[in-house]
Amino acid sequence: MAIGKTVLIVGAIILIVGIALFFIGGYLASSGLIKIVNTLSTASPTTLQPGSSQDLGVPSKLSILLYNTSSGQVLKILQEVNGTNQSVPQIAEKGYILALLSPKYDAIMVNNLTTPISVKYVLSQEFASSLINVALYTGLGFFLAIIGVIVLLVGLVLFLRGRGKRQ
C-alpha cells in the first residue's frame, strides 16, 4: 500500500477518535449537569432575610455550588481564607448560579439584597471531580481532531504526489 494512502487512513482514524472523545466529554458534562440540576429541583428551599447568611460548611474536596433564588438574583458567596472573607466568582445562566468552592475553607452564602429571598442549593463534590474527566476528554478530543486534520492533509499531499509519479 502506498505511503500516502496509509497516512490518509491513519489521519482519518485519528480524526474520528478525536471527534468521538470530544463528544464523549460533552455527553459527560451534560449528564453530570442534569443530575445536579435534578437534585437541586428536589432540594428544600431556605429563606434568607436581608443581611443574613447560610453556612455551607467546609468542603473537603473541590466542590460545585449550584443554586437558584426566588428572584433570580446572584447572592454573595464567601469563603474564609486565612481569617479573611473572600468572594467566590460565580456564573449565572438561565436562573441557575454556579460557584466553584475551594477545599478546606468555610463557605457562606449571604443575602446581600434588601428583601427576604428563598434559595434552593446543592453542593456537589462528585460533579466537580467529573469536570476533570470532562476537560480531559474534551481537550484530548479537540487536540486529536486537529492532529487528525493535519495528518489527513499530509496524507492527501503524499497520495496525490504518488499518483502523479505513476502516470
C-alpha atoms as a PDB file:
ATOM      1  CA  MET A   1       0.000   0.000   0.000  1.00  0.00           C
ATOM      2  CA  ALA A   2       1.322   3.447  -0.895  1.00  0.00           C
ATOM      3  CA  ILE A   3       2.542   5.652   1.939  1.00  0.00           C
ATOM      4  CA  GLY A   4       0.085   8.424   1.028  1.00  0.00           C
ATOM      5  CA  LYS A   5      -2.891   6.094   1.322  1.00  0.00           C
ATOM      6  CA  THR A   6      -1.638   4.760   4.687  1.00  0.00           C
ATOM      7  CA  VAL A   7      -1.169   8.272   6.055  1.00  0.00           C
ATOM      8  CA  LEU A   8      -4.684   9.193   4.843  1.00  0.00           C
ATOM      9  CA  ILE A   9      -6.186   6.216   6.693  1.00  0.00           C
ATOM     10  CA  VAL A  10      -4.223   6.985   9.878  1.00  0.00           C
ATOM     11  CA  GLY A  11      -5.306  10.640   9.685  1.00  0.00           C
ATOM     12  CA  ALA A  12      -8.956   9.647   9.279  1.00  0.00           C
ATOM     13  CA  ILE A  13      -8.733   7.292  12.278  1.00  0.00           C
ATOM     14  CA  ILE A  14      -7.112   9.973  14.469  1.00  0.00           C
ATOM     15  CA  LEU A  15      -9.758  12.491  13.387  1.00  0.00           C
ATOM     16  CA  ILE A  16     -12.625  10.085  14.165  1.00  0.00           C
ATOM     17  CA  VAL A  17     -11.168   9.207  17.588  1.00  0.00           C
ATOM     18  CA  GLY A  18     -10.706  12.923  18.353  1.00  0.00           C
ATOM     19  CA  ILE A  19     -14.276  13.782  17.394  1.00  0.00           C
ATOM     20  CA  ALA A  20     -15.589  10.829  19.435  1.00  0.00           C
ATOM     21  CA  LEU A  21     -13.620  11.881  22.537  1.00  0.00           C
ATOM     22  CA  PHE A  22     -14.820  15.467  22.155  1.00  0.00           C
ATOM     23  CA  PHE A  23     -18.456  14.358  22.073  1.00  0.00           C
ATOM     24  CA  ILE A  24     -17.955  11.916  24.955  1.00  0.00           C
ATOM     25  CA  GLY A  25     -16.670  14.855  27.031  1.00  0.00           C
ATOM     26  CA  GLY A  26     -19.743  16.884  26.116  1.00  0.00           C
ATOM     27  CA  TYR A  27     -22.037  13.986  27.000  1.00  0.00           C
ATOM     28  CA  LEU A  28     -20.352  13.507  30.386  1.00  0.00           C
ATOM     29  CA  ALA A  29     -20.706  17.220  31.137  1.00  0.00           C
ATOM     30  CA  SER A  30     -24.378  17.335  30.209  1.00  0.00           C
ATOM     31  CA  SER A  31     -25.312  14.150  32.083  1.00  0.00           C
ATOM     32  CA  GLY A  32     -23.499  15.336  35.213  1.00  0.00           C
ATOM     33  CA  LEU A  33     -25.159  18.731  34.990  1.00  0.00           C
ATOM     34  CA  ILE A  34     -28.590  17.150  34.508  1.00  0.00           C
ATOM     35  CA  LYS A  35     -28.062  15.071  37.676  1.00  0.00           C
ATOM     36  CA  ILE A  36     -27.092  18.089  39.776  1.00  0.00           C
ATOM     37  CA  VAL A  37     -29.985  20.193  38.382  1.00  0.00           C
ATOM     38  CA  ASN A  38     -32.425  17.364  39.200  1.00  0.00           C
ATOM     39  CA  THR A  39     -31.003  17.207  42.726  1.00  0.00           C
ATOM     40  CA  LEU A  40     -31.467  20.973  43.009  1.00  0.00           C
ATOM     41  CA  SER A  41     -35.109  20.737  41.933  1.00  0.00           C
ATOM     42  CA  THR A  42     -35.851  18.386  44.846  1.00  0.00           C
ATOM     43  CA  ALA A  43     -33.894  20.424  47.428  1.00  0.00           C
ATOM     44  CA  SER A  44     -35.816  22.165  50.196  1.00  0.00           C
ATOM     45  CA  PRO A  45     -35.839  25.957  49.914  1.00  0.00           C
ATOM     46  CA  THR A  46     -34.203  28.073  52.591  1.00  0.00           C
ATOM     47  CA  THR A  47     -35.350  31.616  53.317  1.00  0.00           C
ATOM     48  CA  LEU A  48     -32.657  34.212  53.935  1.00  0.00           C
ATOM     49  CA  GLN A  49     -33.511  37.574  55.443  1.00  0.00           C
ATOM     50  CA  PRO A  50     -31.630  40.650  54.189  1.00  0.00           C
ATOM     51  CA  GLY A  51     -28.083  40.593  55.557  1.00  0.00           C
ATOM     52  CA  SER A  52     -28.404  37.047  56.941  1.00  0.00           C
ATOM     53  CA  SER A  53     -26.260  34.114  55.870  1.00  0.00           C
ATOM     54  CA  GLN A  54     -26.336  30.349  55.450  1.00  0.00           C
ATOM     55  CA  ASP A  55     -23.252  28.375  56.460  1.00  0.00           C
ATOM     56  CA  LEU A  56     -22.436  25.859  53.711  1.00  0.00           C
ATOM     57  CA  GLY A  57     -19.716  24.089  55.688  1.00  0.00           C
ATOM     58  CA  VAL A  58     -16.139  23.280  54.799  1.00  0.00           C
ATOM     59  CA  PRO A  59     -15.788  21.266  51.577  1.00  0.00           C
ATOM     60  CA  SER A  60     -13.187  18.508  51.895  1.00  0.00           C
ATOM     61  CA  LYS A  61     -12.633  18.499  48.110  1.00  0.00           C
ATOM     62  CA  LEU A  62     -13.101  20.940  45.259  1.00  0.00           C
ATOM     63  CA  SER A  63     -16.884  21.463  45.127  1.00  0.00           C
ATOM     64  CA  ILE A  64     -19.546  22.960  42.913  1.00  0.00           C
ATOM     65  CA  LEU A  65     -22.302  25.050  44.490  1.00  0.00           C
ATOM     66  CA  LEU A  66     -25.367  25.288  42.277  1.00  0.00           C
ATOM     67  CA  TYR A  67     -28.269  27.422  43.456  1.00  0.00           C
ATOM     68  CA  ASN A  68     -31.230  29.443  42.337  1.00  0.00           C
ATOM     69  CA  THR A  69     -33.164  32.154  44.120  1.00  0.00           C
ATOM     70  CA  SER A  70     -36.798  33.193  44.086  1.00  0.00           C
ATOM     71  CA  SER A  71     -35.792  36.486  42.460  1.00  0.00           C
ATOM     72  CA  GLY A  72     -33.188  35.019  40.098  1.00  0.00           C
ATOM     73  CA  GLN A  73     -30.549  37.336  41.535  1.00  0.00           C
ATOM     74  CA  VAL A  74     -26.998  36.378  42.490  1.00  0.00           C
ATOM     75  CA  LEU A  75     -26.153  36.210  46.182  1.00  0.00           C
ATOM     76  CA  LYS A  76     -22.751  36.782  47.722  1.00  0.00           C
ATOM     77  CA  ILE A  77     -20.775  33.580  48.291  1.00  0.00           C
ATOM     78  CA  LEU A  78     -17.797  33.915  50.602  1.00  0.00           C
ATOM     79  CA  GLN A  79     -15.020  31.615  51.704  1.00  0.00           C
ATOM     80  CA  GLU A  80     -12.971  32.352  54.792  1.00  0.00           C
ATOM     81  CA  VAL A  81      -9.340  32.109  53.708  1.00  0.00           C
ATOM     82  CA  ASN A  82      -6.766  32.753  56.428  1.00  0.00           C
ATOM     83  CA  GLY A  83      -9.312  34.680  58.524  1.00  0.00           C
ATOM     84  CA  THR A  84     -10.450  36.898  55.631  1.00  0.00           C
ATOM     85  CA  ASN A  85     -13.772  36.520  53.809  1.00  0.00           C
ATOM     86  CA  GLN A  86     -13.138  36.390  50.073  1.00  0.00           C
ATOM     87  CA  SER A  87     -15.817  36.481  47.377  1.00  0.00           C
ATOM     88  CA  VAL A  88     -16.154  33.400  45.216  1.00  0.00           C
ATOM     89  CA  PRO A  89     -16.538  34.025  41.459  1.00  0.00           C
ATOM     90  CA  GLN A  90     -19.916  32.893  40.126  1.00  0.00           C
ATOM     91  CA  ILE A  91     -21.514  32.200  36.773  1.00  0.00           C
ATOM     92  CA  ALA A  92     -25.228  32.906  36.280  1.00  0.00           C
ATOM     93  CA  GLU A  93     -27.131  31.291  33.411  1.00  0.00           C
ATOM     94  CA  LYS A  94     -30.871  30.828  32.884  1.00  0.00           C
ATOM     95  CA  GLY A  95     -31.820  31.243  36.531  1.00  0.00           C
ATOM     96  CA  TYR A  96     -29.053  28.996  37.877  1.00  0.00           C
ATOM     97  CA  ILE A  97     -25.940  30.272  39.592  1.00  0.00           C
ATOM     98  CA  LEU A  98     -22.774  28.187  39.814  1.00  0.00           C
ATOM     99  CA  ALA A  99     -19.784  28.762  42.101  1.00  0.00           C
ATOM    100  CA  LEU A 100     -16.590  26.735  42.463  1.00  0.00           C
ATOM    101  CA  LEU A 101     -15.636  26.302  46.135  1.00  0.00           C
ATOM    102  CA  SER A 102     -12.077  25.611  47.219  1.00  0.00           C
ATOM    103  CA  PRO A 103     -11.469  22.774  49.655  1.00  0.00           C
ATOM    104  CA  LYS A 104     -10.709  23.309  53.349  1.00  0.00           C
ATOM    105  CA  TYR A 105     -12.225  26.806  53.609  1.00  0.00           C
ATOM    106  CA  ASP A 106     -15.542  27.593  55.280  1.00  0.00           C
ATOM    107  CA  ALA A 107     -18.172  28.669  52.728  1.00  0.00           C
ATOM    108  CA  ILE A 108     -21.018  31.089  53.465  1.00  0.00           C
ATOM    109  CA  MET A 109     -23.984  32.223  51.352  1.00  0.00           C
ATOM    110  CA  VAL A 110     -25.033  35.804  52.196  1.00  0.00           C
ATOM    111  CA  ASN A 111     -28.267  37.579  51.239  1.00  0.00           C
ATOM    112  CA  ASN A 112     -26.803  40.903  50.106  1.00  0.00           C
ATOM    113  CA  LEU A 113     -30.207  42.043  48.810  1.00  0.00           C
ATOM    114  CA  THR A 114     -32.731  44.282  50.557  1.00  0.00           C
ATOM    115  CA  THR A 115     -35.589  41.747  50.590  1.00  0.00           C
ATOM    116  CA  PRO A 116     -36.003  38.245  52.015  1.00  0.00           C
ATOM    117  CA  ILE A 117     -35.189  35.604  49.450  1.00  0.00           C
ATOM    118  CA  SER A 118     -35.901  31.904  49.022  1.00  0.00           C
ATOM    119  CA  VAL A 119     -32.879  29.825  47.965  1.00  0.00           C
ATOM    120  CA  LYS A 120     -32.501  26.248  46.770  1.00  0.00           C
ATOM    121  CA  TYR A 121     -28.941  24.994  46.631  1.00  0.00           C
ATOM    122  CA  VAL A 122     -26.882  21.844  46.258  1.00  0.00           C
ATOM    123  CA  LEU A 123     -23.198  21.346  46.989  1.00  0.00           C
ATOM    124  CA  SER A 124     -21.552  18.601  44.908  1.00  0.00           C
ATOM    125  CA  GLN A 125     -18.028  17.262  45.146  1.00  0.00           C
ATOM    126  CA  GLU A 126     -18.736  14.471  42.659  1.00  0.00           C
ATOM    127  CA  PHE A 127     -19.663  16.859  39.835  1.00  0.00           C
ATOM    128  CA  ALA A 128     -16.507  18.896  40.439  1.00  0.00           C
ATOM    129  CA  SER A 129     -14.433  15.697  40.178  1.00  0.00           C
ATOM    130  CA  SER A 130     -16.177  14.677  36.961  1.00  0.00           C
ATOM    131  CA  LEU A 131     -15.338  18.066  35.441  1.00  0.00           C
ATOM    132  CA  ILE A 132     -11.708  16.970  35.354  1.00  0.00           C
ATOM    133  CA  ASN A 133     -12.700  13.980  33.200  1.00  0.00           C
ATOM    134  CA  VAL A 134     -14.835  16.234  31.016  1.00  0.00           C
ATOM    135  CA  ALA A 135     -11.916  18.610  30.481  1.00  0.00           C
ATOM    136  CA  LEU A 136      -9.605  15.692  29.729  1.00  0.00           C
ATOM    137  CA  TYR A 137     -11.909  14.066  27.159  1.00  0.00           C
ATOM    138  CA  THR A 138     -12.869  17.348  25.509  1.00  0.00           C
ATOM    139  CA  GLY A 139      -9.325  18.731  25.413  1.00  0.00           C
ATOM    140  CA  LEU A 140      -7.794  15.495  24.189  1.00  0.00           C
ATOM    141  CA  GLY A 141     -10.544  15.102  21.597  1.00  0.00           C
ATOM    142  CA  PHE A 142     -10.013  18.631  20.288  1.00  0.00           C
ATOM    143  CA  PHE A 143      -6.239  18.097  20.143  1.00  0.00           C
ATOM    144  CA  LEU A 144      -6.565  14.751  18.327  1.00  0.00           C
ATOM    145  CA  ALA A 145      -9.065  16.204  15.853  1.00  0.00           C
ATOM    146  CA  ILE A 146      -6.583  18.938  14.920  1.00  0.00           C
ATOM    147  CA  ILE A 147      -3.755  16.401  14.610  1.00  0.00           C
ATOM    148  CA  GLY A 148      -6.051  14.178  12.515  1.00  0.00           C
ATOM    149  CA  VAL A 149      -6.793  17.017  10.087  1.00  0.00           C
ATOM    150  CA  ILE A 150      -3.081  17.807   9.758  1.00  0.00           C
ATOM    151  CA  VAL A 151      -2.212  14.128   9.140  1.00  0.00           C
ATOM    152  CA  LEU A 152      -5.076  13.911   6.613  1.00  0.00           C
ATOM    153  CA  LEU A 153      -3.693  16.910   4.717  1.00  0.00           C
ATOM    154  CA  VAL A 154      -0.169  15.470   4.719  1.00  0.00           C
ATOM    155  CA  GLY A 155      -1.566  12.117   3.562  1.00  0.00           C
ATOM    156  CA  LEU A 156      -3.532  13.804   0.793  1.00  0.00           C
ATOM    157  CA  VAL A 157      -0.423  15.601  -0.441  1.00  0.00           C
ATOM    158  CA  LEU A 158       1.601  12.354  -0.355  1.00  0.00           C
ATOM    159  CA  PHE A 159      -1.192  10.425  -2.049  1.00  0.00           C
ATOM    160  CA  LEU A 160      -1.539  12.987  -4.868  1.00  0.00           C
ATOM    161  CA  ARG A 161       2.238  13.128  -5.360  1.00  0.00           C
ATOM    162  CA  GLY A 162       2.388   9.336  -5.539  1.00  0.00           C
ATOM    163  CA  ARG A 163      -0.370   9.250  -8.163  1.00  0.00           C
ATOM    164  CA  GLY A 164       1.379  11.936 -10.206  1.00  0.00           C
ATOM    165  CA  LYS A 165       4.645   9.961 -10.342  1.00  0.00           C
ATOM    166  CA  ARG A 166       2.900   6.788 -11.539  1.00  0.00           C
ATOM    167  CA  GLN A 167       1.394   8.440 -14.623  1.00  0.00           C
END
